Amino acid sequence: MTGVPASAAGGPSGARRAKGPASGGLTPASGRALAREARDTAPGESGGGRARRDASSPEDVRATAPSSPPPSSSPEGTGNAGTAEAQGSTRAPRGGKIAAAAVDQASVWNIANLLTMLRLLLVPAFVMLMLADGGYDPAWRSLAWAAFAIAMITDLFDGHLARTYNLVTDFGKIADPIADKAIMGAALICLSALGDLPWWVTGVILGRELGITLLRFLVIRYGVIPASRGGKLKTLTQGVAVGMYVLALTGWLATLRWWVMAAAVVLTVVTGLDYVKQAIVLRRQGIAEREAALEETEE
């Protein structure tokens, strides 16, 4: 019987050759080694080789990243710092609250305005005391002088307190000059009505006071006319002269008060003219500055 050779029939020797190395001499062990080396060196996404270990995976990044970003690195202002900034944008700073409280304290019911109110209340009280019992009783005139003196003293203190302690209010700006003119005008009118003081003196003093007050309002758009030393001396002299006339003085004191009143009238006229001059200069300067500003804007 003709048989097939064992080598061709896939006998043991053929099986061994089939299981042997390939034509290139690559054994299964060497093949697996090459595969592992390829996976280690390739940058592919599969495998767990050196390339994958060297590259930071998203899981590694999340693992190494801090659990919460630092407050200063948050671009959107999140976190504690962002919350503080968001609250700070709607919440006033501590210094602002203190300043606001200081502004609120300068209300109408501050000490400077209370003194001004007291002076306003003393005006009718002074008139009643001055005209009591016909207006010639020395006792009532002494009480009227006390009311007038208190009003003049409070006039010195309320302005000083308002400027020193920042108690200036809109009410004080309006009520203070009204109280000054009211007490002085009431005293002059009462003295002239009783025949102790000529009416022309009352007219000069009151006309000057009202005229200068009106002049200040007219030129306030250009600036403020400051109180001069002459004006302060005038106020002091007027207060002393009127106070001496309120008292029932006789003898040389009656003569002295006439000279004091004469000095008050002179200072009233001189300082009034000086204020008129200042108002004219202030108005001219204001008009010139406005014209210069208009020329600059046109250029």
C-alpha atoms as a PDB file:
ATOM      1  CA  MET A   1       0.000   0.000   0.000  1.00  0.00           C
ATOM      2  CA  THR A   2       1.242   3.269  -0.997  1.00  0.00           C
ATOM      3  CA  GLY A   3       1.399   5.565   2.043  1.00  0.00           C
ATOM      4  CA  VAL A   4       1.767   9.252   2.469  1.00  0.00           C
ATOM      5  CA  PRO A   5       4.945  10.389   4.120  1.00  0.00           C
ATOM      6  CA  ALA A   6       4.555  11.335   7.689  1.00  0.00           C
ATOM      7  CA  SER A   7       5.984  14.733   6.947  1.00  0.00           C
ATOM      8  CA  ALA A   8       3.298  15.473   4.381  1.00  0.00           C
ATOM      9  CA  ALA A   9       0.493  13.890   6.364  1.00  0.00           C
ATOM     10  CA  GLY A  10       1.103  16.130   9.309  1.00  0.00           C
ATOM     11  CA  GLY A  11       2.761  13.611  11.473  1.00  0.00           C
ATOM     12  CA  PRO A  12       4.609  14.329  14.534  1.00  0.00           C
ATOM     13  CA  SER A  13       7.469  15.936  12.755  1.00  0.00           C
ATOM     14  CA  GLY A  14       5.125  18.082  10.671  1.00  0.00           C
ATOM     15  CA  ALA A  15       3.208  19.089  13.738  1.00  0.00           C
ATOM     16  CA  ARG A  16       6.381  20.117  15.364  1.00  0.00           C
ATOM     17  CA  ARG A  17       7.312  22.150  12.309  1.00  0.00           C
ATOM     18  CA  ALA A  18       3.884  23.804  12.330  1.00  0.00           C
ATOM     19  CA  LYS A  19       4.287  24.697  15.950  1.00  0.00           C
ATOM     20  CA  GLY A  20       7.861  25.815  15.431  1.00  0.00           C
ATOM     21  CA  PRO A  21       9.094  29.297  14.739  1.00  0.00           C
ATOM     22  CA  ALA A  22       7.772  31.239  11.812  1.00  0.00           C
ATOM     23  CA  SER A  23       9.667  32.085   8.705  1.00  0.00           C
ATOM     24  CA  GLY A  24      11.033  35.173  10.332  1.00  0.00           C
ATOM     25  CA  GLY A  25      12.212  33.296  13.386  1.00  0.00           C
ATOM     26  CA  LEU A  26       9.573  34.898  15.705  1.00  0.00           C
ATOM     27  CA  THR A  27       8.545  32.727  18.615  1.00  0.00           C
ATOM     28  CA  PRO A  28       5.320  33.280  20.592  1.00  0.00           C
ATOM     29  CA  ALA A  29       7.295  34.561  23.572  1.00  0.00           C
ATOM     30  CA  SER A  30       9.207  37.025  21.479  1.00  0.00           C
ATOM     31  CA  GLY A  31       5.973  38.114  19.805  1.00  0.00           C
ATOM     32  CA  ARG A  32       4.362  38.866  23.118  1.00  0.00           C
ATOM     33  CA  ALA A  33       7.441  40.823  24.185  1.00  0.00           C
ATOM     34  CA  LEU A  34       7.317  42.902  21.013  1.00  0.00           C
ATOM     35  CA  ALA A  35       3.629  43.542  21.573  1.00  0.00           C
ATOM     36  CA  ARG A  36       4.270  44.737  25.113  1.00  0.00           C
ATOM     37  CA  GLU A  37       7.095  46.994  23.899  1.00  0.00           C
ATOM     38  CA  ALA A  38       4.855  48.394  21.201  1.00  0.00           C
ATOM     39  CA  ARG A  39       2.159  49.158  23.749  1.00  0.00           C
ATOM     40  CA  ASP A  40       4.716  50.759  26.055  1.00  0.00           C
ATOM     41  CA  THR A  41       6.136  53.051  23.407  1.00  0.00           C
ATOM     42  CA  ALA A  42       2.935  53.818  21.462  1.00  0.00           C
ATOM     43  CA  PRO A  43       0.931  56.907  22.525  1.00  0.00           C
ATOM     44  CA  GLY A  44      -2.336  55.093  21.965  1.00  0.00           C
ATOM     45  CA  GLU A  45      -5.264  55.256  24.349  1.00  0.00           C
ATOM     46  CA  SER A  46      -5.288  51.491  25.016  1.00  0.00           C
ATOM     47  CA  GLY A  47      -2.936  49.722  27.283  1.00  0.00           C
ATOM     48  CA  GLY A  48      -1.339  50.795  30.483  1.00  0.00           C
ATOM     49  CA  GLY A  49       2.220  51.262  29.334  1.00  0.00           C
ATOM     50  CA  ARG A  50       4.826  53.921  29.896  1.00  0.00           C
ATOM     51  CA  ALA A  51       3.270  56.366  27.429  1.00  0.00           C
ATOM     52  CA  ARG A  52      -0.053  56.237  29.269  1.00  0.00           C
ATOM     53  CA  ARG A  53       1.611  56.522  32.641  1.00  0.00           C
ATOM     54  CA  ASP A  54       3.667  59.533  31.511  1.00  0.00           C
ATOM     55  CA  ALA A  55       0.616  61.316  30.101  1.00  0.00           C
ATOM     56  CA  SER A  56      -1.663  62.869  32.736  1.00  0.00           C
ATOM     57  CA  SER A  57      -5.096  61.421  32.397  1.00  0.00           C
ATOM     58  CA  PRO A  58      -8.210  63.423  33.292  1.00  0.00           C
ATOM     59  CA  GLU A  59      -8.607  61.238  36.342  1.00  0.00           C
ATOM     60  CA  ASP A  60      -5.022  62.014  37.415  1.00  0.00           C
ATOM     61  CA  VAL A  61      -5.585  65.736  36.858  1.00  0.00           C
ATOM     62  CA  ARG A  62      -8.747  65.666  38.901  1.00  0.00           C
ATOM     63  CA  ALA A  63      -6.983  63.661  41.577  1.00  0.00           C
ATOM     64  CA  THR A  64      -4.051  66.052  41.850  1.00  0.00           C
ATOM     65  CA  ALA A  65      -6.124  69.269  41.538  1.00  0.00           C
ATOM     66  CA  PRO A  66      -7.201  70.940  44.796  1.00  0.00           C
ATOM     67  CA  SER A  67     -10.688  70.147  45.954  1.00  0.00           C
ATOM     68  CA  SER A  68     -11.659  73.850  45.915  1.00  0.00           C
ATOM     69  CA  PRO A  69      -9.949  76.681  44.058  1.00  0.00           C
ATOM     70  CA  PRO A  70      -8.179  79.327  46.105  1.00  0.00           C
ATOM     71  CA  PRO A  71     -10.181  82.513  46.527  1.00  0.00           C
ATOM     72  CA  SER A  72      -7.725  84.646  44.595  1.00  0.00           C
ATOM     73  CA  SER A  73      -7.619  82.334  41.550  1.00  0.00           C
ATOM     74  CA  SER A  74     -11.348  82.318  40.892  1.00  0.00           C
ATOM     75  CA  PRO A  75     -11.956  84.361  37.735  1.00  0.00           C
ATOM     76  CA  GLU A  76     -15.664  84.645  38.293  1.00  0.00           C
ATOM     77  CA  GLY A  77     -15.335  85.905  41.856  1.00  0.00           C
ATOM     78  CA  THR A  78     -16.704  82.658  43.332  1.00  0.00           C
ATOM     79  CA  GLY A  79     -15.670  81.241  46.644  1.00  0.00           C
ATOM     80  CA  ASN A  80     -15.140  83.255  49.801  1.00  0.00           C
ATOM     81  CA  ALA A  81     -13.407  86.161  48.108  1.00  0.00           C
ATOM     82  CA  GLY A  82     -16.009  86.343  45.366  1.00  0.00           C
ATOM     83  CA  THR A  83     -18.786  86.296  47.932  1.00  0.00           C
ATOM     84  CA  ALA A  84     -17.083  89.049  49.889  1.00  0.00           C
ATOM     85  CA  GLU A  85     -16.732  91.147  46.763  1.00  0.00           C
ATOM     86  CA  ALA A  86     -20.339  90.538  45.802  1.00  0.00           C
ATOM     87  CA  GLN A  87     -21.475  91.527  49.258  1.00  0.00           C
ATOM     88  CA  GLY A  88     -19.142  94.506  49.278  1.00  0.00           C
ATOM     89  CA  SER A  89     -20.654  95.792  46.035  1.00  0.00           C
ATOM     90  CA  THR A  90     -24.073  95.998  47.647  1.00  0.00           C
ATOM     91  CA  ARG A  91     -23.058  96.559  51.240  1.00  0.00           C
ATOM     92  CA  ALA A  92     -21.524  99.859  52.346  1.00  0.00           C
ATOM     93  CA  PRO A  93     -18.035  99.659  53.867  1.00  0.00           C
ATOM     94  CA  ARG A  94     -17.640 100.215  57.557  1.00  0.00           C
ATOM     95  CA  GLY A  95     -16.042 103.636  57.078  1.00  0.00           C
ATOM     96  CA  GLY A  96     -18.953 104.669  54.872  1.00  0.00           C
ATOM     97  CA  LYS A  97     -21.408 103.691  57.606  1.00  0.00           C
ATOM     98  CA  ILE A  98     -19.503 105.802  60.151  1.00  0.00           C
ATOM     99  CA  ALA A  99     -19.465 108.771  57.782  1.00  0.00           C
ATOM    100  CA  ALA A 100     -23.169 108.311  57.069  1.00  0.00           C
ATOM    101  CA  ALA A 101     -23.858 108.193  60.797  1.00  0.00           C
ATOM    102  CA  ALA A 102     -21.883 111.420  61.278  1.00  0.00           C
ATOM    103  CA  VAL A 103     -23.965 113.061  58.547  1.00  0.00           C
ATOM    104  CA  ASP A 104     -27.180 111.798  60.147  1.00  0.00           C
ATOM    105  CA  GLN A 105     -26.115 113.275  63.492  1.00  0.00           C
ATOM    106  CA  ALA A 106     -26.058 116.757  61.939  1.00  0.00           C
ATOM    107  CA  SER A 107     -29.833 116.893  62.029  1.00  0.00           C
ATOM    108  CA  VAL A 108     -32.073 119.843  62.722  1.00  0.00           C
ATOM    109  CA  TRP A 109     -32.038 119.045  66.433  1.00  0.00           C
ATOM    110  CA  ASN A 110     -28.360 119.784  67.057  1.00  0.00           C
ATOM    111  CA  ILE A 111     -26.997 122.224  69.625  1.00  0.00           C
ATOM    112  CA  ALA A 112     -26.286 124.984  67.101  1.00  0.00           C
ATOM    113  CA  ASN A 113     -29.830 124.933  65.708  1.00  0.00           C
ATOM    114  CA  LEU A 114     -31.304 124.740  69.209  1.00  0.00           C
ATOM    115  CA  LEU A 115     -29.496 127.960  70.112  1.00  0.00           C
ATOM    116  CA  THR A 116     -30.855 129.562  66.941  1.00  0.00           C
ATOM    117  CA  MET A 117     -34.377 128.450  67.862  1.00  0.00           C
ATOM    118  CA  LEU A 118     -33.893 129.878  71.344  1.00  0.00           C
ATOM    119  CA  ARG A 119     -32.896 133.201  69.828  1.00  0.00           C
ATOM    120  CA  LEU A 120     -36.015 133.198  67.665  1.00  0.00           C
ATOM    121  CA  LEU A 121     -38.173 132.516  70.723  1.00  0.00           C
ATOM    122  CA  LEU A 122     -36.478 135.338  72.608  1.00  0.00           C
ATOM    123  CA  VAL A 123     -37.654 137.888  70.022  1.00  0.00           C
ATOM    124  CA  PRO A 124     -41.315 137.993  71.119  1.00  0.00           C
ATOM    125  CA  ALA A 125     -40.267 137.652  74.756  1.00  0.00           C
ATOM    126  CA  PHE A 126     -37.969 140.655  74.368  1.00  0.00           C
ATOM    127  CA  VAL A 127     -40.719 142.744  72.791  1.00  0.00           C
ATOM    128  CA  MET A 128     -43.161 141.972  75.601  1.00  0.00           C
ATOM    129  CA  LEU A 129     -40.587 142.788  78.262  1.00  0.00           C
ATOM    130  CA  MET A 130     -39.508 145.928  76.467  1.00  0.00           C
ATOM    131  CA  LEU A 131     -43.049 147.319  76.175  1.00  0.00           C
ATOM    132  CA  ALA A 132     -44.307 146.121  79.553  1.00  0.00           C
ATOM    133  CA  ASP A 133     -45.791 148.832  81.786  1.00  0.00           C
ATOM    134  CA  GLY A 134     -45.494 151.505  79.116  1.00  0.00           C
ATOM    135  CA  GLY A 135     -41.907 150.671  78.226  1.00  0.00           C
ATOM    136  CA  TYR A 136     -40.253 152.920  80.800  1.00  0.00           C
ATOM    137  CA  ASP A 137     -40.076 150.738  83.863  1.00  0.00           C
ATOM    138  CA  PRO A 138     -36.375 150.178  84.732  1.00  0.00           C
ATOM    139  CA  ALA A 139     -37.084 146.686  86.061  1.00  0.00           C
ATOM    140  CA  TRP A 140     -38.815 145.498  82.895  1.00  0.00           C
ATOM    141  CA  ARG A 141     -36.151 147.162  80.786  1.00  0.00           C
ATOM    142  CA  SER A 142     -33.499 145.256  82.720  1.00  0.00           C
ATOM    143  CA  LEU A 143     -35.268 141.970  81.987  1.00  0.00           C
ATOM    144  CA  ALA A 144     -35.555 142.977  78.349  1.00  0.00           C
ATOM    145  CA  TRP A 145     -31.818 143.698  78.318  1.00  0.00           C
ATOM    146  CA  ALA A 146     -31.158 140.206  79.742  1.00  0.00           C
ATOM    147  CA  ALA A 147     -33.193 138.621  76.953  1.00  0.00           C
ATOM    148  CA  PHE A 148     -31.369 140.748  74.363  1.00  0.00           C
ATOM    149  CA  ALA A 149     -27.961 139.856  75.843  1.00  0.00           C
ATOM    150  CA  ILE A 150     -28.752 136.131  75.809  1.00  0.00           C
ATOM    151  CA  ALA A 151     -29.815 136.393  72.164  1.00  0.00           C
ATOM    152  CA  MET A 152     -26.589 138.169  71.182  1.00  0.00           C
ATOM    153  CA  ILE A 153     -24.424 135.683  73.081  1.00  0.00           C
ATOM    154  CA  THR A 154     -26.119 132.690  71.478  1.00  0.00           C
ATOM    155  CA  ASP A 155     -25.485 134.348  68.123  1.00  0.00           C
ATOM    156  CA  LEU A 156     -21.760 134.124  68.827  1.00  0.00           C
ATOM    157  CA  PHE A 157     -21.859 130.490  69.940  1.00  0.00           C
ATOM    158  CA  ASP A 158     -24.203 128.805  67.476  1.00  0.00           C
ATOM    159  CA  GLY A 159     -22.156 129.713  64.409  1.00  0.00           C
ATOM    160  CA  HIS A 160     -18.910 128.678  66.098  1.00  0.00           C
ATOM    161  CA  LEU A 161     -20.358 125.324  67.154  1.00  0.00           C
ATOM    162  CA  ALA A 162     -21.819 124.663  63.718  1.00  0.00           C
ATOM    163  CA  ARG A 163     -18.483 125.263  61.976  1.00  0.00           C
ATOM    164  CA  THR A 164     -16.322 123.490  64.553  1.00  0.00           C
ATOM    165  CA  TYR A 165     -18.370 120.302  64.878  1.00  0.00           C
ATOM    166  CA  ASN A 166     -19.748 120.190  61.328  1.00  0.00           C
ATOM    167  CA  LEU A 167     -23.312 120.894  62.402  1.00  0.00           C
ATOM    168  CA  VAL A 168     -24.152 123.113  59.440  1.00  0.00           C
ATOM    169  CA  THR A 169     -27.663 122.416  58.146  1.00  0.00           C
ATOM    170  CA  ASP A 170     -29.993 124.031  55.643  1.00  0.00           C
ATOM    171  CA  PHE A 171     -32.247 125.108  58.490  1.00  0.00           C
ATOM    172  CA  GLY A 172     -29.344 126.816  60.247  1.00  0.00           C
ATOM    173  CA  LYS A 173     -28.276 128.623  57.087  1.00  0.00           C
ATOM    174  CA  ILE A 174     -31.731 130.153  56.769  1.00  0.00           C
ATOM    175  CA  ALA A 175     -32.774 130.543  60.409  1.00  0.00           C
ATOM    176  CA  ASP A 176     -29.525 132.011  61.767  1.00  0.00           C
ATOM    177  CA  PRO A 177     -29.509 135.262  59.720  1.00  0.00           C
ATOM    178  CA  ILE A 178     -33.263 135.609  60.252  1.00  0.00           C
ATOM    179  CA  ALA A 179     -32.801 135.357  64.016  1.00  0.00           C
ATOM    180  CA  ASP A 180     -29.983 137.917  63.922  1.00  0.00           C
ATOM    181  CA  LYS A 181     -32.014 140.449  61.966  1.00  0.00           C
ATOM    182  CA  ALA A 182     -35.161 139.751  64.002  1.00  0.00           C
ATOM    183  CA  ILE A 183     -33.695 140.462  67.443  1.00  0.00           C
ATOM    184  CA  MET A 184     -31.792 143.527  66.251  1.00  0.00           C
ATOM    185  CA  GLY A 185     -34.736 144.854  64.269  1.00  0.00           C
ATOM    186  CA  ALA A 186     -37.141 144.297  67.170  1.00  0.00           C
ATOM    187  CA  ALA A 187     -34.853 146.202  69.547  1.00  0.00           C
ATOM    188  CA  LEU A 188     -34.351 149.140  67.164  1.00  0.00           C
ATOM    189  CA  ILE A 189     -38.047 149.438  66.343  1.00  0.00           C
ATOM    190  CA  CYS A 190     -39.026 149.303  70.025  1.00  0.00           C
ATOM    191  CA  LEU A 191     -36.447 151.961  70.930  1.00  0.00           C
ATOM    192  CA  SER A 192     -37.621 154.248  68.131  1.00  0.00           C
ATOM    193  CA  ALA A 193     -41.278 153.656  69.026  1.00  0.00           C
ATOM    194  CA  LEU A 194     -40.531 154.665  72.621  1.00  0.00           C
ATOM    195  CA  GLY A 195     -38.685 157.775  71.453  1.00  0.00           C
ATOM    196  CA  ASP A 196     -35.280 156.693  72.792  1.00  0.00           C
ATOM    197  CA  LEU A 197     -33.655 156.403  69.341  1.00  0.00           C
ATOM    198  CA  PRO A 198     -34.201 158.471  66.185  1.00  0.00           C
ATOM    199  CA  TRP A 199     -36.041 156.639  63.410  1.00  0.00           C
ATOM    200  CA  TRP A 200     -33.381 157.521  60.857  1.00  0.00           C
ATOM    201  CA  VAL A 201     -30.839 155.512  62.855  1.00  0.00           C
ATOM    202  CA  THR A 202     -33.176 152.535  62.796  1.00  0.00           C
ATOM    203  CA  GLY A 203     -33.762 153.037  59.088  1.00  0.00           C
ATOM    204  CA  VAL A 204     -30.030 153.189  58.275  1.00  0.00           C
ATOM    205  CA  ILE A 205     -29.143 150.080  60.265  1.00  0.00           C
ATOM    206  CA  LEU A 206     -32.090 147.959  59.131  1.00  0.00           C
ATOM    207  CA  GLY A 207     -31.821 149.174  55.537  1.00  0.00           C
ATOM    208  CA  ARG A 208     -28.162 148.225  55.434  1.00  0.00           C
ATOM    209  CA  GLU A 209     -28.768 144.771  56.956  1.00  0.00           C
ATOM    210  CA  LEU A 210     -31.622 143.902  54.633  1.00  0.00           C
ATOM    211  CA  GLY A 211     -29.848 145.354  51.592  1.00  0.00           C
ATOM    212  CA  ILE A 212     -26.625 143.415  52.161  1.00  0.00           C
ATOM    213  CA  THR A 213     -28.589 140.205  52.755  1.00  0.00           C
ATOM    214  CA  LEU A 214     -30.410 140.694  49.460  1.00  0.00           C
ATOM    215  CA  LEU A 215     -27.131 141.520  47.721  1.00  0.00           C
ATOM    216  CA  ARG A 216     -25.588 138.268  48.935  1.00  0.00           C
ATOM    217  CA  PHE A 217     -28.435 136.311  47.360  1.00  0.00           C
ATOM    218  CA  LEU A 218     -28.084 138.200  44.077  1.00  0.00           C
ATOM    219  CA  VAL A 219     -24.380 137.427  43.633  1.00  0.00           C
ATOM    220  CA  ILE A 220     -24.389 133.943  45.127  1.00  0.00           C
ATOM    221  CA  ARG A 221     -24.239 132.481  41.599  1.00  0.00           C
ATOM    222  CA  TYR A 222     -20.797 134.048  41.222  1.00  0.00           C
ATOM    223  CA  GLY A 223     -19.514 133.343  44.723  1.00  0.00           C
ATOM    224  CA  VAL A 224     -19.952 134.082  48.415  1.00  0.00           C
ATOM    225  CA  ILE A 225     -19.124 137.418  50.000  1.00  0.00           C
ATOM    226  CA  PRO A 226     -17.121 136.534  53.123  1.00  0.00           C
ATOM    227  CA  ALA A 227     -17.705 138.295  56.397  1.00  0.00           C
ATOM    228  CA  SER A 228     -14.982 140.869  56.952  1.00  0.00           C
ATOM    229  CA  ARG A 229     -13.422 141.993  60.205  1.00  0.00           C
ATOM    230  CA  GLY A 230     -15.192 145.316  59.808  1.00  0.00           C
ATOM    231  CA  GLY A 231     -18.517 143.499  59.577  1.00  0.00           C
ATOM    232  CA  LYS A 232     -17.817 141.566  62.773  1.00  0.00           C
ATOM    233  CA  LEU A 233     -16.774 144.750  64.543  1.00  0.00           C
ATOM    234  CA  LYS A 234     -19.968 146.415  63.304  1.00  0.00           C
ATOM    235  CA  THR A 235     -22.093 143.597  64.745  1.00  0.00           C
ATOM    236  CA  LEU A 236     -20.346 143.844  68.100  1.00  0.00           C
ATOM    237  CA  THR A 237     -20.673 147.618  68.221  1.00  0.00           C
ATOM    238  CA  GLN A 238     -24.338 147.490  67.278  1.00  0.00           C
ATOM    239  CA  GLY A 239     -25.038 144.936  70.010  1.00  0.00           C
ATOM    240  CA  VAL A 240     -23.291 147.003  72.668  1.00  0.00           C
ATOM    241  CA  ALA A 241     -24.966 150.242  71.579  1.00  0.00           C
ATOM    242  CA  VAL A 242     -28.478 148.782  71.385  1.00  0.00           C
ATOM    243  CA  GLY A 243     -27.973 147.017  74.722  1.00  0.00           C
ATOM    244  CA  MET A 244     -27.001 150.307  76.353  1.00  0.00           C
ATOM    245  CA  TYR A 245     -30.097 151.950  74.907  1.00  0.00           C
ATOM    246  CA  VAL A 246     -32.324 149.164  76.181  1.00  0.00           C
ATOM    247  CA  LEU A 247     -31.150 149.822  79.732  1.00  0.00           C
ATOM    248  CA  ALA A 248     -32.547 152.917  81.426  1.00  0.00           C
ATOM    249  CA  LEU A 249     -29.213 154.721  81.691  1.00  0.00           C
ATOM    250  CA  THR A 250     -28.702 158.282  82.855  1.00  0.00           C
ATOM    251  CA  GLY A 251     -25.852 160.705  83.255  1.00  0.00           C
ATOM    252  CA  TRP A 252     -22.542 160.076  81.564  1.00  0.00           C
ATOM    253  CA  LEU A 253     -23.571 156.531  80.635  1.00  0.00           C
ATOM    254  CA  ALA A 254     -26.398 157.981  78.553  1.00  0.00           C
ATOM    255  CA  THR A 255     -23.855 160.218  76.815  1.00  0.00           C
ATOM    256  CA  LEU A 256     -21.492 157.290  76.268  1.00  0.00           C
ATOM    257  CA  ARG A 257     -24.157 155.180  74.638  1.00  0.00           C
ATOM    258  CA  TRP A 258     -24.807 157.989  72.135  1.00  0.00           C
ATOM    259  CA  TRP A 259     -21.175 157.875  71.008  1.00  0.00           C
ATOM    260  CA  VAL A 260     -21.203 154.089  70.822  1.00  0.00           C
ATOM    261  CA  MET A 261     -24.333 154.234  68.661  1.00  0.00           C
ATOM    262  CA  ALA A 262     -22.692 156.851  66.434  1.00  0.00           C
ATOM    263  CA  ALA A 263     -19.697 154.529  65.940  1.00  0.00           C
ATOM    264  CA  ALA A 264     -22.091 151.676  65.141  1.00  0.00           C
ATOM    265  CA  VAL A 265     -23.867 153.774  62.488  1.00  0.00           C
ATOM    266  CA  VAL A 266     -20.549 154.755  60.878  1.00  0.00           C
ATOM    267  CA  LEU A 267     -19.351 151.150  60.798  1.00  0.00           C
ATOM    268  CA  THR A 268     -22.721 150.103  59.398  1.00  0.00           C
ATOM    269  CA  VAL A 269     -22.436 152.492  56.468  1.00  0.00           C
ATOM    270  CA  VAL A 270     -18.726 151.887  55.776  1.00  0.00           C
ATOM    271  CA  THR A 271     -18.945 148.099  55.887  1.00  0.00           C
ATOM    272  CA  GLY A 272     -22.103 148.236  53.770  1.00  0.00           C
ATOM    273  CA  LEU A 273     -20.282 150.140  51.035  1.00  0.00           C
ATOM    274  CA  ASP A 274     -17.383 147.693  51.268  1.00  0.00           C
ATOM    275  CA  TYR A 275     -19.756 144.761  50.752  1.00  0.00           C
ATOM    276  CA  VAL A 276     -21.280 146.485  47.730  1.00  0.00           C
ATOM    277  CA  LYS A 277     -17.773 146.908  46.268  1.00  0.00           C
ATOM    278  CA  GLN A 278     -16.976 143.235  46.900  1.00  0.00           C
ATOM    279  CA  ALA A 279     -20.226 142.200  45.235  1.00  0.00           C
ATOM    280  CA  ILE A 280     -19.436 144.246  42.124  1.00  0.00           C
ATOM    281  CA  VAL A 281     -15.910 142.801  41.862  1.00  0.00           C
ATOM    282  CA  LEU A 282     -17.196 139.277  42.465  1.00  0.00           C
ATOM    283  CA  ARG A 283     -19.826 139.655  39.758  1.00  0.00           C
ATOM    284  CA  ARG A 284     -17.302 140.976  37.225  1.00  0.00           C
ATOM    285  CA  GLN A 285     -14.910 138.128  37.949  1.00  0.00           C
ATOM    286  CA  GLY A 286     -17.680 135.579  37.619  1.00  0.00           C
ATOM    287  CA  ILE A 287     -18.827 136.998  34.272  1.00  0.00           C
ATOM    288  CA  ALA A 288     -15.228 137.095  32.979  1.00  0.00           C
ATOM    289  CA  GLU A 289     -14.633 133.475  34.002  1.00  0.00           C
ATOM    290  CA  ARG A 290     -17.810 132.354  32.290  1.00  0.00           C
ATOM    291  CA  GLU A 291     -16.909 134.164  29.079  1.00  0.00           C
ATOM    292  CA  ALA A 292     -13.422 132.637  29.131  1.00  0.00           C
ATOM    293  CA  ALA A 293     -14.919 129.176  29.645  1.00  0.00           C
ATOM    294  CA  LEU A 294     -17.292 129.705  26.713  1.00  0.00           C
ATOM    295  CA  GLU A 295     -14.410 130.790  24.466  1.00  0.00           C
ATOM    296  CA  GLU A 296     -12.420 127.689  25.364  1.00  0.00           C
ATOM    297  CA  THR A 297     -15.350 125.421  24.584  1.00  0.00           C
ATOM    298  CA  GLU A 298     -15.908 127.128  21.222  1.00  0.00           C
ATOM    299  CA  GLU A 299     -12.232 126.704  20.264  1.00  0.00           C
END
